[in-house]
């Protein structure tokens, strides 16, 4: 092939300028569209913050809008890139095939990160828990300090900070009432103490001083007469999440021993009752 034939096959400078101008116009148009859409998304985020009062709902809206912003940005980059390649008379098919293979390799290497982000997205969108909630995550109790797309940060009752990758969270219990309610039933025989509420209340006060297990002061009910045995006194106690095992394991024995010392042992065949109270609707 001689030099003249090669020169004839090369595009003219005028043609190159036209193609370059079109490519620049496509890139600028894509950038302007992105700026307009980003401003619209930010305006929607501001309107959501003004209208939504609950922080958990705000967080869901923000997460959705951030994801929408990312999707719009990458979609515009993809479309503009394909358009520019076609203007340059380049076939984008081999590039897309190579990008697909590279994407698979990166995906396999970062699958844990992808799993964490996807799990975090659904945690926020479904409102499973929010900042400030008392929760039990993978058997660890504490207060939620941060809910992100990748991790959840928790402060346990001892003050330690725990970090949980969202993809590793297998169980999450949210204590909506910020405590675990129990009903304690104390049975009495024929000879009921002169002031059973004072006797039971004193045991509960001593128990709280020793273990600091109650989220709120116990509430004692009236003495109820029963046909099976003389009477029963019920008390509502609310445990701090993470300390309910102390109440379950130690409180019934403390009450039974106190009644024994006071000369009012439990009726034959009975025991201190301890049951979870269903949360209020």
Protein backbone atom coordinates (compact mmCIF):
# COMPACT_ATOMS: atom_id res chain seq x y z
CA UNK A 1 0.00 0.00 0.00
CA UNK A 2 1.51 3.31 -1.08
CA UNK A 3 1.54 6.49 0.95
CA UNK A 4 -1.21 8.13 -1.12
CA UNK A 5 -3.62 5.23 -0.56
CA UNK A 6 -2.90 5.28 3.18
CA UNK A 7 -3.52 9.02 3.29
CA UNK A 8 -6.83 8.55 1.51
CA UNK A 9 -7.99 6.01 4.10
CA UNK A 10 -7.22 8.25 7.07
CA UNK A 11 -10.05 10.57 8.13
CA UNK A 12 -9.64 14.19 7.27
CA UNK A 13 -8.87 16.75 9.98
CA UNK A 14 -12.30 18.28 9.41
CA UNK A 15 -13.95 14.92 10.05
CA UNK A 16 -11.90 14.40 13.20
CA UNK A 17 -12.91 17.82 14.48
CA UNK A 18 -16.57 17.04 13.83
CA UNK A 19 -16.33 13.68 15.64
CA UNK A 20 -14.43 15.24 18.56
CA UNK A 21 -17.02 18.01 18.79
CA UNK A 22 -19.86 15.46 18.89
CA UNK A 23 -18.07 13.42 21.55
CA UNK A 24 -17.50 16.49 23.70
CA UNK A 25 -21.15 17.49 23.21
CA UNK A 26 -22.31 14.03 24.35
CA UNK A 27 -20.10 14.19 27.46
CA UNK A 28 -21.23 17.73 28.32
CA UNK A 29 -24.89 16.82 27.76
CA UNK A 30 -24.55 13.76 30.00
CA UNK A 31 -22.86 15.88 32.70
CA UNK A 32 -25.61 18.53 32.53
CA UNK A 33 -28.32 15.88 32.76
CA UNK A 34 -26.58 14.41 35.79
CA UNK A 35 -26.34 17.83 37.48
CA UNK A 36 -30.05 18.44 36.92
CA UNK A 37 -31.03 15.00 38.23
CA UNK A 38 -28.69 15.30 41.22
CA UNK A 39 -30.23 18.64 42.14
CA UNK A 40 -33.69 17.10 41.87
CA UNK A 41 -32.63 14.20 44.12
CA UNK A 42 -31.19 16.60 46.69
CA UNK A 43 -34.39 18.61 46.63
CA UNK A 44 -36.38 15.43 47.20
CA UNK A 45 -34.09 14.57 50.13
CA UNK A 46 -34.65 18.01 51.67
CA UNK A 47 -38.41 17.70 51.26
CA UNK A 48 -38.34 14.26 52.87
CA UNK A 49 -36.37 15.57 55.87
CA UNK A 50 -38.94 18.35 56.30
CA UNK A 51 -41.98 16.05 56.07
CA UNK A 52 -40.80 12.87 57.77
CA UNK A 53 -40.54 13.15 61.53
CA UNK A 54 -39.13 9.76 62.48
CA UNK A 55 -35.37 9.45 62.07
CA UNK A 56 -35.63 5.82 60.96
CA UNK A 57 -37.95 6.82 58.10
CA UNK A 58 -35.61 9.65 57.14
CA UNK A 59 -32.71 7.25 57.02
CA UNK A 60 -34.60 4.93 54.70
CA UNK A 61 -35.45 7.80 52.35
CA UNK A 62 -31.87 9.07 52.34
CA UNK A 63 -30.52 5.62 51.57
CA UNK A 64 -32.96 5.16 48.70
CA UNK A 65 -32.10 8.58 47.24
CA UNK A 66 -28.35 7.94 47.54
CA UNK A 67 -28.76 4.67 45.70
CA UNK A 68 -30.86 6.40 43.06
CA UNK A 69 -28.15 9.03 42.62
CA UNK A 70 -25.52 6.32 42.11
CA UNK A 71 -27.68 4.44 39.62
CA UNK A 72 -28.32 7.62 37.61
CA UNK A 73 -24.63 8.54 37.56
CA UNK A 74 -23.38 5.15 36.40
CA UNK A 75 -26.21 4.78 33.87
CA UNK A 76 -25.33 8.13 32.29
CA UNK A 77 -21.62 7.25 32.22
CA UNK A 78 -22.43 3.92 30.55
CA UNK A 79 -24.74 5.43 27.90
CA UNK A 80 -22.41 8.34 27.16
CA UNK A 81 -19.41 6.01 26.89
CA UNK A 82 -21.17 3.71 24.40
CA UNK A 83 -22.28 6.72 22.37
CA UNK A 84 -18.76 8.17 22.23
CA UNK A 85 -17.28 4.83 21.16
CA UNK A 86 -19.76 4.58 18.30
CA UNK A 87 -18.94 8.14 17.23
CA UNK A 88 -15.28 7.10 17.10
CA UNK A 89 -16.27 4.12 14.90
CA UNK A 90 -15.18 1.67 17.61
CA UNK A 91 -17.09 -1.54 18.34
CA UNK A 92 -17.97 -1.54 22.08
CA UNK A 93 -18.77 -5.28 22.15
CA UNK A 94 -15.23 -6.52 22.98
CA UNK A 95 -14.89 -3.83 25.65
CA UNK A 96 -18.19 -4.82 27.22
CA UNK A 97 -17.18 -8.49 27.18
CA UNK A 98 -13.87 -7.67 28.89
CA UNK A 99 -15.64 -5.47 31.43
CA UNK A 100 -18.03 -8.31 32.18
CA UNK A 101 -15.19 -10.73 32.88
CA UNK A 102 -13.38 -8.15 35.04
CA UNK A 103 -16.64 -7.46 36.88
CA UNK A 104 -17.05 -11.14 37.64
CA UNK A 105 -13.51 -11.33 39.02
CA UNK A 106 -14.03 -8.27 41.20
CA UNK A 107 -17.41 -9.60 42.31
CA UNK A 108 -15.94 -12.90 43.48
CA UNK A 109 -13.19 -11.08 45.35
CA UNK A 110 -15.55 -8.59 46.99
CA UNK A 111 -18.55 -10.83 47.55
CA UNK A 112 -18.48 -10.26 51.32
CA UNK A 113 -18.53 -6.49 50.78
CA UNK A 114 -21.42 -6.81 48.34
CA UNK A 115 -23.29 -9.03 50.79
CA UNK A 116 -22.77 -6.49 53.61
CA UNK A 117 -24.02 -3.60 51.47
CA UNK A 118 -27.08 -5.48 50.21
CA UNK A 119 -27.95 -6.62 53.74
CA UNK A 120 -27.49 -3.08 55.08
CA UNK A 121 -29.77 -1.72 52.39
CA UNK A 122 -32.60 -4.07 53.39
CA UNK A 123 -32.02 -3.47 57.12
CA UNK A 124 -32.51 0.26 56.60
CA UNK A 125 -35.34 -0.01 54.08
CA UNK A 126 -37.31 -2.51 56.19
CA UNK A 127 -36.72 -0.53 59.39
CA UNK A 128 -35.51 -3.58 61.33
CA UNK A 129 -33.80 -1.23 63.82
CA UNK A 130 -32.57 2.35 63.94
CA UNK A 131 -30.13 4.50 65.87
CA UNK A 132 -31.07 4.55 69.57
CA UNK A 133 -32.93 1.23 69.59
CA UNK A 134 -32.09 -1.46 72.14
CA UNK A 135 -31.43 -4.64 70.22
CA UNK A 136 -29.89 -8.09 70.47
CA UNK A 137 -27.68 -8.83 67.45
CA UNK A 138 -26.17 -12.30 67.17
CA UNK A 139 -26.69 -12.76 70.91
CA UNK A 140 -25.11 -9.41 71.91
CA UNK A 141 -27.30 -6.81 73.64
CA UNK A 142 -26.76 -3.09 73.32
CA UNK A 143 -27.89 0.24 71.95
CA UNK A 144 -27.56 0.95 68.23
CA UNK A 145 -25.20 3.87 67.59
CA UNK A 146 -24.88 3.64 63.82
CA UNK A 147 -26.65 1.83 60.99
CA UNK A 148 -24.69 2.00 57.76
CA UNK A 149 -24.82 0.16 54.48
CA UNK A 150 -21.79 -1.93 55.46
CA UNK A 151 -21.76 -2.19 59.26
CA UNK A 152 -23.93 -1.79 62.34
CA UNK A 153 -22.28 -0.27 65.43
CA UNK A 154 -23.56 -1.33 68.84
CA UNK A 155 -22.69 -0.23 72.40
CA UNK A 156 -23.20 -3.07 74.89
CA UNK A 157 -24.22 -2.61 78.58
CA UNK A 158 -20.56 -2.60 79.67
CA UNK A 159 -19.82 0.33 77.34
CA UNK A 160 -17.84 -1.60 74.74
CA UNK A 161 -18.37 -0.77 71.06
CA UNK A 162 -19.22 -3.76 68.86
CA UNK A 163 -19.11 -3.71 65.06
CA UNK A 164 -21.20 -6.14 63.02
CA UNK A 165 -20.83 -6.46 59.24
CA UNK A 166 -24.42 -6.40 58.05
CA UNK A 167 -23.94 -9.55 55.99
CA UNK A 168 -22.92 -11.50 59.11
CA UNK A 169 -26.05 -10.61 61.12
CA UNK A 170 -28.09 -13.78 61.46
CA UNK A 171 -30.49 -12.73 64.25
CA UNK A 172 -31.63 -9.28 65.37
CA UNK A 173 -34.23 -8.70 68.09
CA UNK A 174 -35.49 -5.16 68.55
CA UNK A 175 -36.80 -4.30 72.02
CA UNK A 176 -39.28 -1.63 71.02
CA UNK A 177 -40.16 -0.80 74.64
CA UNK A 178 -36.43 -0.48 75.41
CA UNK A 179 -36.85 -3.13 78.13
CA UNK A 180 -38.02 -6.71 78.67
CA UNK A 181 -41.23 -6.89 80.75
CA UNK A 182 -41.87 -9.69 83.23
CA UNK A 183 -44.70 -10.50 85.62
CA UNK A 184 -43.58 -11.97 88.94
CA UNK A 185 -46.26 -13.95 90.82
CA UNK A 186 -45.63 -14.50 94.55
CA UNK A 187 -48.02 -17.01 96.21
CA UNK A 188 -48.91 -16.90 99.91
CA UNK A 189 -50.32 -19.54 102.23
CA UNK A 190 -53.23 -19.09 104.64
CA UNK A 191 -51.36 -16.62 106.85
CA UNK A 192 -50.74 -13.69 104.55
CA UNK A 193 -48.17 -11.15 105.88
CA UNK A 194 -49.58 -7.95 107.31
CA UNK A 195 -47.96 -5.96 104.48
CA UNK A 196 -47.03 -8.35 101.65
CA UNK A 197 -46.27 -5.46 99.27
CA UNK A 198 -43.63 -4.10 101.66
CA UNK A 199 -42.04 -7.53 102.00
CA UNK A 200 -41.85 -8.18 98.24
CA UNK A 201 -40.93 -4.56 97.47
CA UNK A 202 -38.02 -4.71 99.90
CA UNK A 203 -36.63 -7.80 98.18
CA UNK A 204 -36.93 -6.11 94.79
CA UNK A 205 -35.15 -2.99 96.07
CA UNK A 206 -32.28 -5.07 97.47
CA UNK A 207 -32.07 -6.99 94.19
CA UNK A 208 -31.85 -3.76 92.18
CA UNK A 209 -29.16 -2.31 94.44
CA UNK A 210 -27.05 -5.41 93.91
CA UNK A 211 -27.55 -6.07 90.19
CA UNK A 212 -28.94 -2.86 88.61
CA UNK A 213 -31.13 -5.03 86.40
CA UNK A 214 -34.38 -3.01 86.27
CA UNK A 215 -35.04 -0.46 83.55
CA UNK A 216 -37.82 1.08 85.67
CA UNK A 217 -38.97 0.73 89.27
CA UNK A 218 -41.14 -2.39 89.80
CA UNK A 219 -44.92 -1.94 90.00
CA UNK A 220 -46.68 -3.99 92.67
CA UNK A 221 -50.30 -5.01 92.25
CA UNK A 222 -52.91 -5.72 94.92
CA UNK A 223 -53.12 -9.03 96.76
CA UNK A 224 -55.52 -11.35 94.93
CA UNK A 225 -57.45 -14.08 96.73
CA UNK A 226 -57.47 -17.41 94.91
CA UNK A 227 -59.41 -20.66 95.45
CA UNK A 228 -56.31 -22.86 94.97
CA UNK A 229 -54.23 -21.27 97.74
CA UNK A 230 -54.65 -18.25 99.95
CA UNK A 231 -53.44 -15.33 97.83
CA UNK A 232 -51.00 -14.12 95.22
CA UNK A 233 -49.20 -10.82 94.74
CA UNK A 234 -48.10 -9.90 91.24
CA UNK A 235 -45.35 -7.43 90.41
CA UNK A 236 -44.36 -6.04 87.01
CA UNK A 237 -40.63 -5.66 86.50
CA UNK A 238 -38.84 -4.42 83.39
CA UNK A 239 -35.39 -5.81 82.73
CA UNK A 240 -32.57 -3.99 80.98
CA UNK A 241 -31.75 -5.99 77.83
CA UNK A 242 -28.74 -8.14 78.55
CA UNK A 243 -29.58 -8.46 82.26
CA UNK A 244 -32.77 -10.49 82.02
CA UNK A 245 -30.85 -13.68 82.80
CA UNK A 246 -30.10 -12.30 86.28
CA UNK A 247 -33.80 -11.86 86.91
CA UNK A 248 -34.69 -15.28 85.54
CA UNK A 249 -31.97 -17.12 87.47
CA UNK A 250 -31.75 -15.24 90.78
CA UNK A 251 -34.93 -13.31 91.54
CA UNK A 252 -37.30 -16.27 92.22
CA UNK A 253 -34.80 -17.79 94.65
CA UNK A 254 -34.27 -14.45 96.42
CA UNK A 255 -38.02 -14.00 96.91
CA UNK A 256 -38.54 -17.57 98.14
CA UNK A 257 -35.68 -17.25 100.64
CA UNK A 258 -37.01 -13.89 101.91
CA UNK A 259 -40.48 -15.35 102.48
CA UNK A 260 -38.92 -18.29 104.31
CA UNK A 261 -36.96 -15.99 106.61
CA UNK A 262 -40.04 -13.89 107.29
CA UNK A 263 -41.97 -16.96 108.41
CA UNK A 264 -44.19 -17.15 105.35
CA UNK A 265 -42.87 -20.04 103.24
CA UNK A 266 -44.37 -20.78 99.86
CA UNK A 267 -47.49 -22.98 99.87
CA UNK A 268 -46.79 -26.65 99.20
CA UNK A 269 -46.41 -27.45 95.52
CA UNK A 270 -46.02 -23.82 94.43
CA UNK A 271 -43.13 -21.69 93.26
CA UNK A 272 -42.40 -18.09 92.38
CA UNK A 273 -43.89 -17.46 88.95
CA UNK A 274 -41.93 -15.52 86.37
CA UNK A 275 -43.40 -14.92 82.92
CA UNK A 276 -42.76 -12.58 80.03
CA UNK A 277 -45.50 -10.02 79.66
CA UNK A 278 -46.64 -9.46 76.07
CA UNK A 279 -45.72 -5.94 74.88
CA UNK A 280 -48.51 -3.44 74.61
CA UNK A 281 -49.86 -2.94 71.07
